[in-house]
Structure formats: C-alpha cells, structure tokens
Amino acid sequence: MARMMRHLCAERSIDIPDVCIAICQPLMEDQITIQLNGRPHRTAHGATVTSLLSELGFAAQPVLVERNGTALFPRDFEGTLLNDGDALEVIRIVAGG
C-alpha cells in the first residue's frame, strides 16, 4: 500500500512523508472498494447498503439499488453487507409530470 501511494504521488510530483503513509495506511485497509454506478468508490469495511446510502446523501430519498445484478428490496438494505468488489447501481426515484 505504501509503495502504491508513493508511486501515485511521484506521478503527480507530490512528496509524502513516511509519517503520512504510516497514518493513512491503516485507514485505507479499513476500507473496501466497490463499483458504484460504474465507478470505483471506497467505503468502510462492514458497510451496509443503508450506511452507503447515508454516506451518499440518499438516506431519506427513495432509491432503487441493484447489487451484483440483483435488485434489492428496501427492507433488505440494512442487512446487506457490502463486499470488496461488489458492483452497485443506485438510482434515485423522482416523480414529475
């Protein structure tokens, strides 16, 4: 992880002290990467669909969620743990006329 961070920062001509890497590395390891609407997104290890929706600002909004190609019922959001590599599609429902 530290090597990857150094490489990414070297590409951008950013100098990161080792102390920053030592602090950030454990934080990065407590996260997972999912695909959210086709893009990589990091979230907390142990996150549920409900906590992800809250993180995204969709907690109080009606949404459709598909996880790894399967639509989820809203009643299942809280009990659905996200895993590293999961693919989620989140679509906000809007009404209009």
PDB file of N, CA and C in Angstrom:
ATOM      1  N   MET A   1       0.828  -1.191   0.000  1.00  0.00           N
ATOM      2  CA  MET A   1       0.000   0.000   0.000  1.00  0.00           C
ATOM      3  C   MET A   1       0.869   1.249   0.000  1.00  0.00           C
ATOM      4  N   ALA A   2       1.879   1.285   0.862  1.00  0.00           N
ATOM      5  CA  ALA A   2       2.757   2.448   0.932  1.00  0.00           C
ATOM      6  C   ALA A   2       3.469   2.656  -0.395  1.00  0.00           C
ATOM      7  N   ARG A   3       3.893   1.563  -1.019  1.00  0.00           N
ATOM      8  CA  ARG A   3       4.584   1.664  -2.307  1.00  0.00           C
ATOM      9  C   ARG A   3       3.639   2.255  -3.366  1.00  0.00           C
ATOM     10  N   MET A   4       2.371   1.798  -3.359  1.00  0.00           N
ATOM     11  CA  MET A   4       1.401   2.306  -4.315  1.00  0.00           C
ATOM     12  C   MET A   4       1.186   3.803  -4.093  1.00  0.00           C
ATOM     13  N   MET A   5       1.057   4.226  -2.830  1.00  0.00           N
ATOM     14  CA  MET A   5       0.846   5.640  -2.537  1.00  0.00           C
ATOM     15  C   MET A   5       2.034   6.468  -3.007  1.00  0.00           C
ATOM     16  N   ARG A   6       3.239   5.966  -2.760  1.00  0.00           N
ATOM     17  CA  ARG A   6       4.432   6.690  -3.213  1.00  0.00           C
ATOM     18  C   ARG A   6       4.449   6.816  -4.727  1.00  0.00           C
ATOM     19  N   HIS A   7       4.077   5.721  -5.418  1.00  0.00           N
ATOM     20  CA  HIS A   7       4.065   5.733  -6.883  1.00  0.00           C
ATOM     21  C   HIS A   7       3.057   6.757  -7.407  1.00  0.00           C
ATOM     22  N   LEU A   8       1.839   6.744  -6.849  1.00  0.00           N
ATOM     23  CA  LEU A   8       0.815   7.686  -7.297  1.00  0.00           C
ATOM     24  C   LEU A   8       1.230   9.127  -7.047  1.00  0.00           C
ATOM     25  N   CYS A   9       1.855   9.369  -5.914  1.00  0.00           N
ATOM     26  CA  CYS A   9       2.286  10.722  -5.591  1.00  0.00           C
ATOM     27  C   CYS A   9       3.478  11.143  -6.445  1.00  0.00           C
ATOM     28  N   ALA A  10       4.364  10.212  -6.752  1.00  0.00           N
ATOM     29  CA  ALA A  10       5.509  10.533  -7.607  1.00  0.00           C
ATOM     30  C   ALA A  10       5.039  10.924  -9.002  1.00  0.00           C
ATOM     31  N   GLU A  11       3.995  10.268  -9.487  1.00  0.00           N
ATOM     32  CA  GLU A  11       3.444  10.620 -10.804  1.00  0.00           C
ATOM     33  C   GLU A  11       2.935  12.057 -10.826  1.00  0.00           C
ATOM     34  N   ARG A  12       2.483  12.526  -9.690  1.00  0.00           N
ATOM     35  CA  ARG A  12       1.913  13.878  -9.596  1.00  0.00           C
ATOM     36  C   ARG A  12       2.889  14.863  -8.956  1.00  0.00           C
ATOM     37  N   SER A  13       4.127  14.444  -8.783  1.00  0.00           N
ATOM     38  CA  SER A  13       5.174  15.273  -8.177  1.00  0.00           C
ATOM     39  C   SER A  13       4.787  15.754  -6.785  1.00  0.00           C
ATOM     40  N   ILE A  14       4.161  14.879  -6.028  1.00  0.00           N
ATOM     41  CA  ILE A  14       3.779  15.193  -4.648  1.00  0.00           C
ATOM     42  C   ILE A  14       4.700  14.408  -3.729  1.00  0.00           C
ATOM     43  N   ASP A  15       5.251  15.081  -2.738  1.00  0.00           N
ATOM     44  CA  ASP A  15       6.125  14.421  -1.774  1.00  0.00           C
ATOM     45  C   ASP A  15       5.319  14.127  -0.520  1.00  0.00           C
ATOM     46  N   ILE A  16       5.245  12.841  -0.160  1.00  0.00           N
ATOM     47  CA  ILE A  16       4.521  12.440   1.038  1.00  0.00           C
ATOM     48  C   ILE A  16       5.511  11.918   2.057  1.00  0.00           C
ATOM     49  N   PRO A  17       5.545  12.519   3.223  1.00  0.00           N
ATOM     50  CA  PRO A  17       6.431  11.994   4.272  1.00  0.00           C
ATOM     51  C   PRO A  17       5.969  10.605   4.716  1.00  0.00           C
ATOM     52  N   ASP A  18       6.932   9.802   5.168  1.00  0.00           N
ATOM     53  CA  ASP A  18       6.609   8.455   5.633  1.00  0.00           C
ATOM     54  C   ASP A  18       5.592   8.463   6.765  1.00  0.00           C
ATOM     55  N   VAL A  19       5.596   9.504   7.578  1.00  0.00           N
ATOM     56  CA  VAL A  19       4.653   9.569   8.683  1.00  0.00           C
ATOM     57  C   VAL A  19       3.220   9.632   8.159  1.00  0.00           C
ATOM     58  N   CYS A  20       2.988  10.322   7.062  1.00  0.00           N
ATOM     59  CA  CYS A  20       1.638  10.392   6.482  1.00  0.00           C
ATOM     60  C   CYS A  20       1.206   9.019   5.984  1.00  0.00           C
ATOM     61  N   ILE A  21       2.123   8.311   5.365  1.00  0.00           N
ATOM     62  CA  ILE A  21       1.811   6.969   4.875  1.00  0.00           C
ATOM     63  C   ILE A  21       1.506   6.055   6.052  1.00  0.00           C
ATOM     64  N   ALA A  22       2.269   6.175   7.120  1.00  0.00           N
ATOM     65  CA  ALA A  22       2.046   5.344   8.304  1.00  0.00           C
ATOM     66  C   ALA A  22       0.677   5.614   8.927  1.00  0.00           C
ATOM     67  N   ILE A  23       0.220   6.851   8.854  1.00  0.00           N
ATOM     68  CA  ILE A  23      -1.086   7.210   9.408  1.00  0.00           C
ATOM     69  C   ILE A  23      -2.208   6.771   8.475  1.00  0.00           C
ATOM     70  N   CYS A  24      -2.046   6.982   7.172  1.00  0.00           N
ATOM     71  CA  CYS A  24      -3.111   6.708   6.209  1.00  0.00           C
ATOM     72  C   CYS A  24      -3.273   5.229   5.896  1.00  0.00           C
ATOM     73  N   GLN A  25      -2.208   4.471   5.932  1.00  0.00           N
ATOM     74  CA  GLN A  25      -2.287   3.067   5.535  1.00  0.00           C
ATOM     75  C   GLN A  25      -3.322   2.282   6.343  1.00  0.00           C
ATOM     76  N   PRO A  26      -3.325   2.363   7.674  1.00  0.00           N
ATOM     77  CA  PRO A  26      -4.356   1.613   8.405  1.00  0.00           C
ATOM     78  C   PRO A  26      -5.769   2.063   8.058  1.00  0.00           C
ATOM     79  N   LEU A  27      -5.945   3.350   7.788  1.00  0.00           N
ATOM     80  CA  LEU A  27      -7.268   3.845   7.416  1.00  0.00           C
ATOM     81  C   LEU A  27      -7.708   3.266   6.091  1.00  0.00           C
ATOM     82  N   MET A  28      -6.796   3.167   5.135  1.00  0.00           N
ATOM     83  CA  MET A  28      -7.114   2.610   3.826  1.00  0.00           C
ATOM     84  C   MET A  28      -7.438   1.124   3.935  1.00  0.00           C
ATOM     85  N   GLU A  29      -6.780   0.417   4.849  1.00  0.00           N
ATOM     86  CA  GLU A  29      -7.016  -1.012   4.996  1.00  0.00           C
ATOM     87  C   GLU A  29      -8.371  -1.291   5.627  1.00  0.00           C
ATOM     88  N   ASP A  30      -8.960  -0.315   6.302  1.00  0.00           N
ATOM     89  CA  ASP A  30     -10.276  -0.477   6.890  1.00  0.00           C
ATOM     90  C   ASP A  30     -11.380  -0.130   5.905  1.00  0.00           C
ATOM     91  N   GLN A  31     -11.024  -0.016   4.641  1.00  0.00           N
ATOM     92  CA  GLN A  31     -11.995   0.317   3.609  1.00  0.00           C
ATOM     93  C   GLN A  31     -12.017  -0.761   2.539  1.00  0.00           C
ATOM     94  N   ILE A  32     -13.114  -0.779   1.804  1.00  0.00           N
ATOM     95  CA  ILE A  32     -13.245  -1.661   0.657  1.00  0.00           C
ATOM     96  C   ILE A  32     -13.510  -0.799  -0.571  1.00  0.00           C
ATOM     97  N   THR A  33     -13.277  -1.360  -1.728  1.00  0.00           N
ATOM     98  CA  THR A  33     -13.590  -0.662  -2.971  1.00  0.00           C
ATOM     99  C   THR A  33     -14.708  -1.402  -3.677  1.00  0.00           C
ATOM    100  N   ILE A  34     -15.772  -0.679  -3.987  1.00  0.00           N
ATOM    101  CA  ILE A  34     -16.891  -1.228  -4.735  1.00  0.00           C
ATOM    102  C   ILE A  34     -16.985  -0.462  -6.051  1.00  0.00           C
ATOM    103  N   GLN A  35     -17.756  -0.984  -6.966  1.00  0.00           N
ATOM    104  CA  GLN A  35     -18.091  -0.252  -8.182  1.00  0.00           C
ATOM    105  C   GLN A  35     -19.465   0.362  -7.951  1.00  0.00           C
ATOM    106  N   LEU A  36     -19.543   1.671  -7.958  1.00  0.00           N
ATOM    107  CA  LEU A  36     -20.788   2.388  -7.721  1.00  0.00           C
ATOM    108  C   LEU A  36     -21.172   3.115  -8.992  1.00  0.00           C
ATOM    109  N   ASN A  37     -22.244   2.659  -9.597  1.00  0.00           N
ATOM    110  CA  ASN A  37     -22.688   3.219 -10.880  1.00  0.00           C
ATOM    111  C   ASN A  37     -21.543   3.254 -11.890  1.00  0.00           C
ATOM    112  N   GLY A  38     -20.759   2.167 -11.897  1.00  0.00           N
ATOM    113  CA  GLY A  38     -19.696   2.015 -12.878  1.00  0.00           C
ATOM    114  C   GLY A  38     -18.370   2.648 -12.532  1.00  0.00           C
ATOM    115  N   ARG A  39     -18.271   3.253 -11.360  1.00  0.00           N
ATOM    116  CA  ARG A  39     -17.016   3.914 -10.954  1.00  0.00           C
ATOM    117  C   ARG A  39     -16.531   3.365  -9.616  1.00  0.00           C
ATOM    118  N   PRO A  40     -15.217   3.301  -9.431  1.00  0.00           N
ATOM    119  CA  PRO A  40     -14.700   2.839  -8.140  1.00  0.00           C
ATOM    120  C   PRO A  40     -15.101   3.796  -7.022  1.00  0.00           C
ATOM    121  N   HIS A  41     -15.477   3.217  -5.892  1.00  0.00           N
ATOM    122  CA  HIS A  41     -15.861   4.021  -4.728  1.00  0.00           C
ATOM    123  C   HIS A  41     -15.369   3.302  -3.485  1.00  0.00           C
ATOM    124  N   ARG A  42     -14.674   4.021  -2.600  1.00  0.00           N
ATOM    125  CA  ARG A  42     -14.185   3.435  -1.345  1.00  0.00           C
ATOM    126  C   ARG A  42     -15.185   3.730  -0.243  1.00  0.00           C
ATOM    127  N   THR A  43     -15.432   2.709   0.561  1.00  0.00           N
ATOM    128  CA  THR A  43     -16.330   2.862   1.694  1.00  0.00           C
ATOM    129  C   THR A  43     -15.804   2.009   2.840  1.00  0.00           C
ATOM    130  N   ALA A  44     -16.383   2.169   4.001  1.00  0.00           N
ATOM    131  CA  ALA A  44     -15.902   1.475   5.195  1.00  0.00           C
ATOM    132  C   ALA A  44     -16.113  -0.030   5.101  1.00  0.00           C
ATOM    133  N   HIS A  45     -15.139  -0.766   5.600  1.00  0.00           N
ATOM    134  CA  HIS A  45     -15.289  -2.212   5.739  1.00  0.00           C
ATOM    135  C   HIS A  45     -16.456  -2.455   6.699  1.00  0.00           C
ATOM    136  N   GLY A  46     -17.361  -3.348   6.359  1.00  0.00           N
ATOM    137  CA  GLY A  46     -18.531  -3.604   7.196  1.00  0.00           C
ATOM    138  C   GLY A  46     -19.721  -2.723   6.859  1.00  0.00           C
ATOM    139  N   ALA A  47     -19.595  -1.920   5.799  1.00  0.00           N
ATOM    140  CA  ALA A  47     -20.695  -1.040   5.401  1.00  0.00           C
ATOM    141  C   ALA A  47     -21.872  -1.863   4.883  1.00  0.00           C
ATOM    142  N   THR A  48     -23.056  -1.331   5.117  1.00  0.00           N
ATOM    143  CA  THR A  48     -24.276  -1.918   4.561  1.00  0.00           C
ATOM    144  C   THR A  48     -24.782  -1.001   3.456  1.00  0.00           C
ATOM    145  N   VAL A  49     -25.789  -1.468   2.739  1.00  0.00           N
ATOM    146  CA  VAL A  49     -26.392  -0.608   1.720  1.00  0.00           C
ATOM    147  C   VAL A  49     -26.952   0.640   2.385  1.00  0.00           C
ATOM    148  N   THR A  50     -27.568   0.491   3.552  1.00  0.00           N
ATOM    149  CA  THR A  50     -28.121   1.639   4.266  1.00  0.00           C
ATOM    150  C   THR A  50     -27.044   2.659   4.612  1.00  0.00           C
ATOM    151  N   SER A  51     -25.912   2.188   5.135  1.00  0.00           N
ATOM    152  CA  SER A  51     -24.857   3.139   5.503  1.00  0.00           C
ATOM    153  C   SER A  51     -24.253   3.800   4.267  1.00  0.00           C
ATOM    154  N   LEU A  52     -24.151   3.076   3.163  1.00  0.00           N
ATOM    155  CA  LEU A  52     -23.654   3.671   1.925  1.00  0.00           C
ATOM    156  C   LEU A  52     -24.613   4.757   1.434  1.00  0.00           C
ATOM    157  N   LEU A  53     -25.913   4.468   1.456  1.00  0.00           N
ATOM    158  CA  LEU A  53     -26.896   5.467   1.020  1.00  0.00           C
ATOM    159  C   LEU A  53     -26.821   6.714   1.893  1.00  0.00           C
ATOM    160  N   SER A  54     -26.612   6.532   3.182  1.00  0.00           N
ATOM    161  CA  SER A  54     -26.456   7.671   4.087  1.00  0.00           C
ATOM    162  C   SER A  54     -25.206   8.465   3.728  1.00  0.00           C
ATOM    163  N   GLU A  55     -24.113   7.752   3.484  1.00  0.00           N
ATOM    164  CA  GLU A  55     -22.844   8.388   3.090  1.00  0.00           C
ATOM    165  C   GLU A  55     -23.016   9.215   1.818  1.00  0.00           C
ATOM    166  N   LEU A  56     -23.846   8.720   0.903  1.00  0.00           N
ATOM    167  CA  LEU A  56     -24.061   9.398  -0.380  1.00  0.00           C
ATOM    168  C   LEU A  56     -25.118  10.499  -0.303  1.00  0.00           C
ATOM    169  N   GLY A  57     -25.798  10.632   0.842  1.00  0.00           N
ATOM    170  CA  GLY A  57     -26.826  11.658   0.994  1.00  0.00           C
ATOM    171  C   GLY A  57     -28.192  11.217   0.497  1.00  0.00           C
ATOM    172  N   PHE A  58     -28.394   9.905   0.348  1.00  0.00           N
ATOM    173  CA  PHE A  58     -29.669   9.376  -0.140  1.00  0.00           C
ATOM    174  C   PHE A  58     -30.501   8.718   0.958  1.00  0.00           C
ATOM    175  N   ALA A  59     -30.157   8.920   2.220  1.00  0.00           N
ATOM    176  CA  ALA A  59     -30.818   8.213   3.321  1.00  0.00           C
ATOM    177  C   ALA A  59     -32.329   8.433   3.343  1.00  0.00           C
ATOM    178  N   ALA A  60     -32.780   9.625   3.072  1.00  0.00           N
ATOM    179  CA  ALA A  60     -34.208   9.928   3.174  1.00  0.00           C
ATOM    180  C   ALA A  60     -34.896   9.960   1.811  1.00  0.00           C
ATOM    181  N   GLN A  61     -34.208   9.508   0.775  1.00  0.00           N
ATOM    182  CA  GLN A  61     -34.770   9.577  -0.569  1.00  0.00           C
ATOM    183  C   GLN A  61     -35.109   8.181  -1.088  1.00  0.00           C
ATOM    184  N   PRO A  62     -36.167   8.085  -1.883  1.00  0.00           N
ATOM    185  CA  PRO A  62     -36.483   6.778  -2.474  1.00  0.00           C
ATOM    186  C   PRO A  62     -35.464   6.437  -3.569  1.00  0.00           C
ATOM    187  N   VAL A  63     -34.899   5.244  -3.475  1.00  0.00           N
ATOM    188  CA  VAL A  63     -33.901   4.807  -4.450  1.00  0.00           C
ATOM    189  C   VAL A  63     -34.140   3.351  -4.830  1.00  0.00           C
ATOM    190  N   LEU A  64     -33.629   2.994  -5.987  1.00  0.00           N
ATOM    191  CA  LEU A  64     -33.556   1.603  -6.409  1.00  0.00           C
ATOM    192  C   LEU A  64     -32.095   1.205  -6.300  1.00  0.00           C
ATOM    193  N   VAL A  65     -31.842   0.015  -5.770  1.00  0.00           N
ATOM    194  CA  VAL A  65     -30.465  -0.460  -5.620  1.00  0.00           C
ATOM    195  C   VAL A  65     -30.357  -1.849  -6.227  1.00  0.00           C
ATOM    196  N   GLU A  66     -29.352  -2.009  -7.061  1.00  0.00           N
ATOM    197  CA  GLU A  66     -29.020  -3.308  -7.640  1.00  0.00           C
ATOM    198  C   GLU A  66     -27.613  -3.660  -7.179  1.00  0.00           C
ATOM    199  N   ARG A  67     -27.451  -4.861  -6.638  1.00  0.00           N
ATOM    200  CA  ARG A  67     -26.140  -5.324  -6.172  1.00  0.00           C
ATOM    201  C   ARG A  67     -25.759  -6.566  -6.952  1.00  0.00           C
ATOM    202  N   ASN A  68     -24.651  -6.467  -7.665  1.00  0.00           N
ATOM    203  CA  ASN A  68     -24.143  -7.589  -8.458  1.00  0.00           C
ATOM    204  C   ASN A  68     -25.221  -8.182  -9.366  1.00  0.00           C
ATOM    205  N   GLY A  69     -26.015  -7.288  -9.965  1.00  0.00           N
ATOM    206  CA  GLY A  69     -27.015  -7.708 -10.936  1.00  0.00           C
ATOM    207  C   GLY A  69     -28.361  -8.107 -10.358  1.00  0.00           C
ATOM    208  N   THR A  70     -28.507  -8.028  -9.042  1.00  0.00           N
ATOM    209  CA  THR A  70     -29.763  -8.415  -8.394  1.00  0.00           C
ATOM    210  C   THR A  70     -30.369  -7.210  -7.692  1.00  0.00           C
ATOM    211  N   ALA A  71     -31.648  -6.932  -8.000  1.00  0.00           N
ATOM    212  CA  ALA A  71     -32.344  -5.821  -7.350  1.00  0.00           C
ATOM    213  C   ALA A  71     -32.602  -6.173  -5.890  1.00  0.00           C
ATOM    214  N   LEU A  72     -32.451  -5.175  -5.025  1.00  0.00           N
ATOM    215  CA  LEU A  72     -32.677  -5.368  -3.592  1.00  0.00           C
ATOM    216  C   LEU A  72     -33.972  -4.685  -3.169  1.00  0.00           C
ATOM    217  N   PHE A  73     -34.672  -5.321  -2.244  1.00  0.00           N
ATOM    218  CA  PHE A  73     -35.827  -4.682  -1.624  1.00  0.00           C
ATOM    219  C   PHE A  73     -35.310  -3.700  -0.568  1.00  0.00           C
ATOM    220  N   PRO A  74     -35.973  -2.558  -0.407  1.00  0.00           N
ATOM    221  CA  PRO A  74     -35.543  -1.610   0.624  1.00  0.00           C
ATOM    222  C   PRO A  74     -35.465  -2.237   2.015  1.00  0.00           C
ATOM    223  N   ARG A  75     -36.318  -3.198   2.297  1.00  0.00           N
ATOM    224  CA  ARG A  75     -36.293  -3.848   3.615  1.00  0.00           C
ATOM    225  C   ARG A  75     -34.995  -4.626   3.847  1.00  0.00           C
ATOM    226  N   ASP A  76     -34.265  -4.934   2.766  1.00  0.00           N
ATOM    227  CA  ASP A  76     -33.015  -5.687   2.868  1.00  0.00           C
ATOM    228  C   ASP A  76     -31.771  -4.803   2.914  1.00  0.00           C
ATOM    229  N   PHE A  77     -31.926  -3.493   2.753  1.00  0.00           N
ATOM    230  CA  PHE A  77     -30.765  -2.597   2.702  1.00  0.00           C
ATOM    231  C   PHE A  77     -29.910  -2.691   3.968  1.00  0.00           C
ATOM    232  N   GLU A  78     -30.559  -2.672   5.137  1.00  0.00           N
ATOM    233  CA  GLU A  78     -29.813  -2.645   6.401  1.00  0.00           C
ATOM    234  C   GLU A  78     -29.021  -3.931   6.620  1.00  0.00           C
ATOM    235  N   GLY A  79     -29.551  -5.057   6.196  1.00  0.00           N
ATOM    236  CA  GLY A  79     -28.883  -6.328   6.433  1.00  0.00           C
ATOM    237  C   GLY A  79     -27.944  -6.770   5.330  1.00  0.00           C
ATOM    238  N   THR A  80     -27.794  -5.965   4.285  1.00  0.00           N
ATOM    239  CA  THR A  80     -26.936  -6.342   3.160  1.00  0.00           C
ATOM    240  C   THR A  80     -25.562  -5.714   3.326  1.00  0.00           C
ATOM    241  N   LEU A  81     -24.598  -6.540   3.727  1.00  0.00           N
ATOM    242  CA  LEU A  81     -23.212  -6.085   3.871  1.00  0.00           C
ATOM    243  C   LEU A  81     -22.557  -5.986   2.508  1.00  0.00           C
ATOM    244  N   LEU A  82     -21.786  -4.931   2.324  1.00  0.00           N
ATOM    245  CA  LEU A  82     -21.055  -4.753   1.074  1.00  0.00           C
ATOM    246  C   LEU A  82     -19.711  -5.460   1.168  1.00  0.00           C
ATOM    247  N   ASN A  83     -19.311  -6.067   0.072  1.00  0.00           N
ATOM    248  CA  ASN A  83     -18.026  -6.765  -0.008  1.00  0.00           C
ATOM    249  C   ASN A  83     -17.120  -6.069  -1.006  1.00  0.00           C
ATOM    250  N   ASP A  84     -15.829  -6.196  -0.789  1.00  0.00           N
ATOM    251  CA  ASP A  84     -14.862  -5.637  -1.725  1.00  0.00           C
ATOM    252  C   ASP A  84     -15.156  -6.186  -3.118  1.00  0.00           C
ATOM    253  N   GLY A  85     -15.273  -5.296  -4.096  1.00  0.00           N
ATOM    254  CA  GLY A  85     -15.523  -5.706  -5.472  1.00  0.00           C
ATOM    255  C   GLY A  85     -16.983  -5.756  -5.873  1.00  0.00           C
ATOM    256  N   ASP A  86     -17.905  -5.563  -4.923  1.00  0.00           N
ATOM    257  CA  ASP A  86     -19.324  -5.542  -5.286  1.00  0.00           C
ATOM    258  C   ASP A  86     -19.594  -4.456  -6.313  1.00  0.00           C
ATOM    259  N   ALA A  87     -20.559  -4.726  -7.193  1.00  0.00           N
ATOM    260  CA  ALA A  87     -20.998  -3.736  -8.180  1.00  0.00           C
ATOM    261  C   ALA A  87     -22.403  -3.288  -7.796  1.00  0.00           C
ATOM    262  N   LEU A  88     -22.545  -2.004  -7.501  1.00  0.00           N
ATOM    263  CA  LEU A  88     -23.842  -1.457  -7.137  1.00  0.00           C
ATOM    264  C   LEU A  88     -24.286  -0.410  -8.143  1.00  0.00           C
ATOM    265  N   GLU A  89     -25.563  -0.447  -8.433  1.00  0.00           N
ATOM    266  CA  GLU A  89     -26.209   0.608  -9.208  1.00  0.00           C
ATOM    267  C   GLU A  89     -27.229   1.234  -8.273  1.00  0.00           C
ATOM    268  N   VAL A  90     -27.136   2.534  -8.088  1.00  0.00           N
ATOM    269  CA  VAL A  90     -28.071   3.261  -7.231  1.00  0.00           C
ATOM    270  C   VAL A  90     -28.759   4.304  -8.095  1.00  0.00           C
ATOM    271  N   ILE A  91     -30.090   4.213  -8.130  1.00  0.00           N
ATOM    272  CA  ILE A  91     -30.876   5.132  -8.963  1.00  0.00           C
ATOM    273  C   ILE A  91     -31.891   5.827  -8.066  1.00  0.00           C
ATOM    274  N   ARG A  92     -31.838   7.133  -8.073  1.00  0.00           N
ATOM    275  CA  ARG A  92     -32.778   7.931  -7.275  1.00  0.00           C
ATOM    276  C   ARG A  92     -34.112   8.000  -8.026  1.00  0.00           C
ATOM    277  N   ILE A  93     -35.186   7.757  -7.317  1.00  0.00           N
ATOM    278  CA  ILE A  93     -36.534   7.813  -7.903  1.00  0.00           C
ATOM    279  C   ILE A  93     -37.037   9.239  -7.785  1.00  0.00           C
ATOM    280  N   VAL A  94     -37.440   9.811  -8.904  1.00  0.00           N
ATOM    281  CA  VAL A  94     -38.019  11.156  -8.891  1.00  0.00           C
ATOM    282  C   VAL A  94     -39.372  11.112  -9.574  1.00  0.00           C
ATOM    283  N   ALA A  95     -40.282  11.897  -9.075  1.00  0.00           N
ATOM    284  CA  ALA A  95     -41.608  11.983  -9.661  1.00  0.00           C
ATOM    285  C   ALA A  95     -41.729  13.328 -10.359  1.00  0.00           C
ATOM    286  N   GLY A  96     -42.504  13.341 -11.373  1.00  0.00           N
ATOM    287  CA  GLY A  96     -42.688  14.596 -12.079  1.00  0.00           C
ATOM    288  C   GLY A  96     -43.817  14.460 -13.077  1.00  0.00           C
ATOM    289  N   GLY A  97     -44.055  15.532 -13.716  1.00  0.00           N
ATOM    290  CA  GLY A  97     -45.159  15.445 -14.664  1.00  0.00           C
ATOM    291  C   GLY A  97     -45.055  16.517 -15.695  1.00  0.00           C
TER     292      GLY A  97
END
